[in-house]
């Protein structure tokens, strides 16, 4: 298992380059991090096997694909028990609109980020999926008006 002390500056440069563009070839990465393509390949495989690289995926344009509304939803549970939390977790994992879901401290138990096509789709999710669910007591939503930054990359170079 790799620990943070096992990650050197070449690994960090490699990870940073992959964050920017996961479709880069080993040769392209080698040119960026100043190693041979075979060294990059071995390092990449080691980082993948250690779980530091969890997956590769395409970054899709939600708006151009018809998903015009981003919303953050705060959820308070009806009761606080392991079973109820599991029920809510199962519900969240079954909702493809949910991009992120986090257990929180503070006023709400959970914060979720959802992407939906329009306000009607949002209303359907809130009124027909979330509110009637046995685990949910209260739902509060905040619709995103404008996104100032949307970058999931980790600040590896700092």
C-alpha atoms as a PDB file:
ATOM      1  CA  UNK A   1       0.000   0.000   0.000  1.00  0.00           C
ATOM      2  CA  UNK A   2       1.313   3.427  -0.945  1.00  0.00           C
ATOM      3  CA  UNK A   3       1.405   6.114   1.726  1.00  0.00           C
ATOM      4  CA  UNK A   4       1.813   9.830   1.136  1.00  0.00           C
ATOM      5  CA  UNK A   5       5.496   9.488   2.024  1.00  0.00           C
ATOM      6  CA  UNK A   6       5.889   7.013  -0.876  1.00  0.00           C
ATOM      7  CA  UNK A   7       4.624   9.580  -3.411  1.00  0.00           C
ATOM      8  CA  UNK A   8       7.468  11.604  -4.891  1.00  0.00           C
ATOM      9  CA  UNK A   9       7.497  14.731  -7.067  1.00  0.00           C
ATOM     10  CA  UNK A  10       7.344  12.654 -10.270  1.00  0.00           C
ATOM     11  CA  UNK A  11       4.226  10.876  -8.966  1.00  0.00           C
ATOM     12  CA  UNK A  12       2.645  14.225  -8.087  1.00  0.00           C
ATOM     13  CA  UNK A  13       3.419  15.632 -11.536  1.00  0.00           C
ATOM     14  CA  UNK A  14       2.011  12.487 -13.124  1.00  0.00           C
ATOM     15  CA  UNK A  15      -1.166  12.653 -11.024  1.00  0.00           C
ATOM     16  CA  UNK A  16      -1.573  16.350 -11.792  1.00  0.00           C
ATOM     17  CA  UNK A  17      -1.192  15.725 -15.538  1.00  0.00           C
ATOM     18  CA  UNK A  18      -3.733  12.896 -15.396  1.00  0.00           C
ATOM     19  CA  UNK A  19      -6.195  15.107 -13.505  1.00  0.00           C
ATOM     20  CA  UNK A  20      -5.966  17.673 -16.274  1.00  0.00           C
ATOM     21  CA  UNK A  21      -6.442  15.056 -19.017  1.00  0.00           C
ATOM     22  CA  UNK A  22      -6.858  11.382 -18.193  1.00  0.00           C
ATOM     23  CA  UNK A  23      -6.800  10.442 -21.882  1.00  0.00           C
ATOM     24  CA  UNK A  24      -3.125  11.370 -22.316  1.00  0.00           C
ATOM     25  CA  UNK A  25      -0.878   8.587 -23.564  1.00  0.00           C
ATOM     26  CA  UNK A  26       2.089   7.398 -21.561  1.00  0.00           C
ATOM     27  CA  UNK A  27       4.375   9.149 -24.039  1.00  0.00           C
ATOM     28  CA  UNK A  28       2.522  12.459 -23.632  1.00  0.00           C
ATOM     29  CA  UNK A  29       2.703  12.069 -19.857  1.00  0.00           C
ATOM     30  CA  UNK A  30       6.401  11.179 -20.067  1.00  0.00           C
ATOM     31  CA  UNK A  31       7.088  14.408 -21.951  1.00  0.00           C
ATOM     32  CA  UNK A  32       5.241  16.407 -19.279  1.00  0.00           C
ATOM     33  CA  UNK A  33       6.814  14.809 -16.203  1.00  0.00           C
ATOM     34  CA  UNK A  34      10.263  14.264 -17.751  1.00  0.00           C
ATOM     35  CA  UNK A  35      10.454  10.499 -17.429  1.00  0.00           C
ATOM     36  CA  UNK A  36      10.480   7.693 -19.993  1.00  0.00           C
ATOM     37  CA  UNK A  37       7.158   6.289 -21.201  1.00  0.00           C
ATOM     38  CA  UNK A  38       7.982   2.930 -19.580  1.00  0.00           C
ATOM     39  CA  UNK A  39       8.676   4.614 -16.213  1.00  0.00           C
ATOM     40  CA  UNK A  40       5.384   6.515 -16.498  1.00  0.00           C
ATOM     41  CA  UNK A  41       3.553   3.278 -17.303  1.00  0.00           C
ATOM     42  CA  UNK A  42       5.002   1.518 -14.227  1.00  0.00           C
ATOM     43  CA  UNK A  43       4.270   4.491 -11.954  1.00  0.00           C
ATOM     44  CA  UNK A  44       0.749   4.847 -13.312  1.00  0.00           C
ATOM     45  CA  UNK A  45       0.023   1.160 -12.739  1.00  0.00           C
ATOM     46  CA  UNK A  46       1.432   1.365  -9.176  1.00  0.00           C
ATOM     47  CA  UNK A  47      -0.728   4.438  -8.431  1.00  0.00           C
ATOM     48  CA  UNK A  48      -3.811   2.705  -9.867  1.00  0.00           C
ATOM     49  CA  UNK A  49      -3.213  -0.483  -7.863  1.00  0.00           C
ATOM     50  CA  UNK A  50      -2.713   1.551  -4.689  1.00  0.00           C
ATOM     51  CA  UNK A  51      -6.072   3.273  -5.238  1.00  0.00           C
ATOM     52  CA  UNK A  52      -4.655   6.795  -5.643  1.00  0.00           C
ATOM     53  CA  UNK A  53      -6.140   6.793  -9.143  1.00  0.00           C
ATOM     54  CA  UNK A  54      -9.694   5.613  -8.613  1.00  0.00           C
ATOM     55  CA  UNK A  55     -11.028   5.809 -12.183  1.00  0.00           C
ATOM     56  CA  UNK A  56     -10.884   7.550 -15.535  1.00  0.00           C
ATOM     57  CA  UNK A  57     -13.891   9.272 -17.045  1.00  0.00           C
ATOM     58  CA  UNK A  58     -15.023  11.882 -19.524  1.00  0.00           C
ATOM     59  CA  UNK A  59     -16.050  15.346 -18.323  1.00  0.00           C
ATOM     60  CA  UNK A  60     -19.426  15.923 -20.001  1.00  0.00           C
ATOM     61  CA  UNK A  61     -21.132  19.275 -20.584  1.00  0.00           C
ATOM     62  CA  UNK A  62     -24.392  18.957 -18.625  1.00  0.00           C
ATOM     63  CA  UNK A  63     -26.074  22.016 -20.144  1.00  0.00           C
ATOM     64  CA  UNK A  64     -25.324  21.011 -23.735  1.00  0.00           C
ATOM     65  CA  UNK A  65     -26.735  17.566 -22.928  1.00  0.00           C
ATOM     66  CA  UNK A  66     -29.990  19.086 -21.674  1.00  0.00           C
ATOM     67  CA  UNK A  67     -29.377  19.164 -17.918  1.00  0.00           C
ATOM     68  CA  UNK A  68     -30.059  22.829 -17.206  1.00  0.00           C
ATOM     69  CA  UNK A  69     -30.543  22.895 -13.448  1.00  0.00           C
ATOM     70  CA  UNK A  70     -27.988  22.259 -10.735  1.00  0.00           C
ATOM     71  CA  UNK A  71     -29.395  22.173  -7.229  1.00  0.00           C
ATOM     72  CA  UNK A  72     -28.098  21.593  -3.728  1.00  0.00           C
ATOM     73  CA  UNK A  73     -30.557  19.803  -1.475  1.00  0.00           C
ATOM     74  CA  UNK A  74     -30.339  19.684   2.303  1.00  0.00           C
ATOM     75  CA  UNK A  75     -32.080  16.689   3.874  1.00  0.00           C
ATOM     76  CA  UNK A  76     -32.999  16.092   7.508  1.00  0.00           C
ATOM     77  CA  UNK A  77     -33.826  12.531   8.489  1.00  0.00           C
ATOM     78  CA  UNK A  78     -37.065  11.540  10.171  1.00  0.00           C
ATOM     79  CA  UNK A  79     -35.209   9.543  12.832  1.00  0.00           C
ATOM     80  CA  UNK A  80     -31.545   9.139  13.595  1.00  0.00           C
ATOM     81  CA  UNK A  81     -30.745   5.461  13.497  1.00  0.00           C
ATOM     82  CA  UNK A  82     -28.431   3.222  11.554  1.00  0.00           C
ATOM     83  CA  UNK A  83     -31.353   1.608   9.749  1.00  0.00           C
ATOM     84  CA  UNK A  84     -32.824   4.947   8.702  1.00  0.00           C
ATOM     85  CA  UNK A  85     -29.439   6.198   7.497  1.00  0.00           C
ATOM     86  CA  UNK A  86     -29.075   2.987   5.472  1.00  0.00           C
ATOM     87  CA  UNK A  87     -32.531   3.477   3.931  1.00  0.00           C
ATOM     88  CA  UNK A  88     -31.629   7.014   2.948  1.00  0.00           C
ATOM     89  CA  UNK A  89     -28.237   5.916   1.596  1.00  0.00           C
ATOM     90  CA  UNK A  90     -29.916   3.242  -0.536  1.00  0.00           C
ATOM     91  CA  UNK A  91     -32.334   5.857  -1.890  1.00  0.00           C
ATOM     92  CA  UNK A  92     -29.522   8.266  -2.767  1.00  0.00           C
ATOM     93  CA  UNK A  93     -27.423   5.609  -4.501  1.00  0.00           C
ATOM     94  CA  UNK A  94     -30.442   4.675  -6.646  1.00  0.00           C
ATOM     95  CA  UNK A  95     -30.947   8.271  -7.873  1.00  0.00           C
ATOM     96  CA  UNK A  96     -28.833   8.923 -10.993  1.00  0.00           C
ATOM     97  CA  UNK A  97     -29.428  12.671 -10.665  1.00  0.00           C
ATOM     98  CA  UNK A  98     -27.385  12.780  -7.461  1.00  0.00           C
ATOM     99  CA  UNK A  99     -23.797  13.690  -8.268  1.00  0.00           C
ATOM    100  CA  UNK A 100     -22.599  14.072  -4.698  1.00  0.00           C
ATOM    101  CA  UNK A 101     -24.054  13.249  -1.296  1.00  0.00           C
ATOM    102  CA  UNK A 102     -22.445  14.018   2.037  1.00  0.00           C
ATOM    103  CA  UNK A 103     -23.374  13.382   5.675  1.00  0.00           C
ATOM    104  CA  UNK A 104     -23.087  16.756   7.411  1.00  0.00           C
ATOM    105  CA  UNK A 105     -22.882  18.442  10.766  1.00  0.00           C
ATOM    106  CA  UNK A 106     -25.177  21.386  11.420  1.00  0.00           C
ATOM    107  CA  UNK A 107     -28.830  21.979  10.592  1.00  0.00           C
ATOM    108  CA  UNK A 108     -29.195  19.290   7.908  1.00  0.00           C
ATOM    109  CA  UNK A 109     -28.111  15.671   8.064  1.00  0.00           C
ATOM    110  CA  UNK A 110     -27.151  15.446   4.385  1.00  0.00           C
ATOM    111  CA  UNK A 111     -26.186  17.728   1.533  1.00  0.00           C
ATOM    112  CA  UNK A 112     -26.649  16.520  -2.028  1.00  0.00           C
ATOM    113  CA  UNK A 113     -25.714  17.996  -5.382  1.00  0.00           C
ATOM    114  CA  UNK A 114     -28.118  17.076  -8.166  1.00  0.00           C
ATOM    115  CA  UNK A 115     -28.242  17.781 -11.895  1.00  0.00           C
ATOM    116  CA  UNK A 116     -31.689  17.744 -13.508  1.00  0.00           C
ATOM    117  CA  UNK A 117     -33.098  18.756 -16.874  1.00  0.00           C
ATOM    118  CA  UNK A 118     -35.476  21.423 -15.604  1.00  0.00           C
ATOM    119  CA  UNK A 119     -37.538  22.667 -12.652  1.00  0.00           C
ATOM    120  CA  UNK A 120     -40.318  20.207 -13.394  1.00  0.00           C
ATOM    121  CA  UNK A 121     -37.861  17.319 -13.022  1.00  0.00           C
ATOM    122  CA  UNK A 122     -36.650  18.842  -9.756  1.00  0.00           C
ATOM    123  CA  UNK A 123     -40.211  19.175  -8.460  1.00  0.00           C
ATOM    124  CA  UNK A 124     -40.891  15.537  -9.321  1.00  0.00           C
ATOM    125  CA  UNK A 125     -37.793  14.365  -7.459  1.00  0.00           C
ATOM    126  CA  UNK A 126     -38.544  16.421  -4.374  1.00  0.00           C
ATOM    127  CA  UNK A 127     -42.295  15.776  -4.229  1.00  0.00           C
ATOM    128  CA  UNK A 128     -42.480  12.195  -5.476  1.00  0.00           C
ATOM    129  CA  UNK A 129     -39.166  10.659  -4.431  1.00  0.00           C
ATOM    130  CA  UNK A 130     -37.577  12.468  -1.492  1.00  0.00           C
ATOM    131  CA  UNK A 131     -40.463  13.830   0.594  1.00  0.00           C
ATOM    132  CA  UNK A 132     -42.574  10.639   0.575  1.00  0.00           C
ATOM    133  CA  UNK A 133     -39.599   8.459   1.531  1.00  0.00           C
ATOM    134  CA  UNK A 134     -39.882   7.014   5.037  1.00  0.00           C
ATOM    135  CA  UNK A 135     -36.393   8.125   6.028  1.00  0.00           C
ATOM    136  CA  UNK A 136     -36.866  11.811   5.166  1.00  0.00           C
ATOM    137  CA  UNK A 137     -38.355  14.455   7.467  1.00  0.00           C
ATOM    138  CA  UNK A 138     -37.429  17.716   5.712  1.00  0.00           C
ATOM    139  CA  UNK A 139     -36.026  18.799   2.349  1.00  0.00           C
ATOM    140  CA  UNK A 140     -34.656  22.228   1.547  1.00  0.00           C
ATOM    141  CA  UNK A 141     -33.229  23.129  -1.850  1.00  0.00           C
ATOM    142  CA  UNK A 142     -31.047  25.866  -3.283  1.00  0.00           C
ATOM    143  CA  UNK A 143     -30.906  26.240  -7.056  1.00  0.00           C
ATOM    144  CA  UNK A 144     -27.604  27.282  -8.603  1.00  0.00           C
ATOM    145  CA  UNK A 145     -27.888  30.545 -10.539  1.00  0.00           C
ATOM    146  CA  UNK A 146     -24.323  30.637 -11.829  1.00  0.00           C
ATOM    147  CA  UNK A 147     -21.247  28.451 -11.395  1.00  0.00           C
ATOM    148  CA  UNK A 148     -18.092  30.407 -10.679  1.00  0.00           C
ATOM    149  CA  UNK A 149     -15.786  27.376 -10.555  1.00  0.00           C
ATOM    150  CA  UNK A 150     -16.298  23.703 -11.291  1.00  0.00           C
ATOM    151  CA  UNK A 151     -12.971  21.894 -10.983  1.00  0.00           C
ATOM    152  CA  UNK A 152     -12.680  18.565  -9.164  1.00  0.00           C
ATOM    153  CA  UNK A 153      -8.867  18.504  -9.405  1.00  0.00           C
ATOM    154  CA  UNK A 154      -6.839  18.297  -6.209  1.00  0.00           C
ATOM    155  CA  UNK A 155      -4.253  21.079  -5.624  1.00  0.00           C
ATOM    156  CA  UNK A 156      -1.246  18.761  -5.975  1.00  0.00           C
ATOM    157  CA  UNK A 157       1.175  21.425  -7.173  1.00  0.00           C
ATOM    158  CA  UNK A 158       0.896  23.591  -4.033  1.00  0.00           C
END
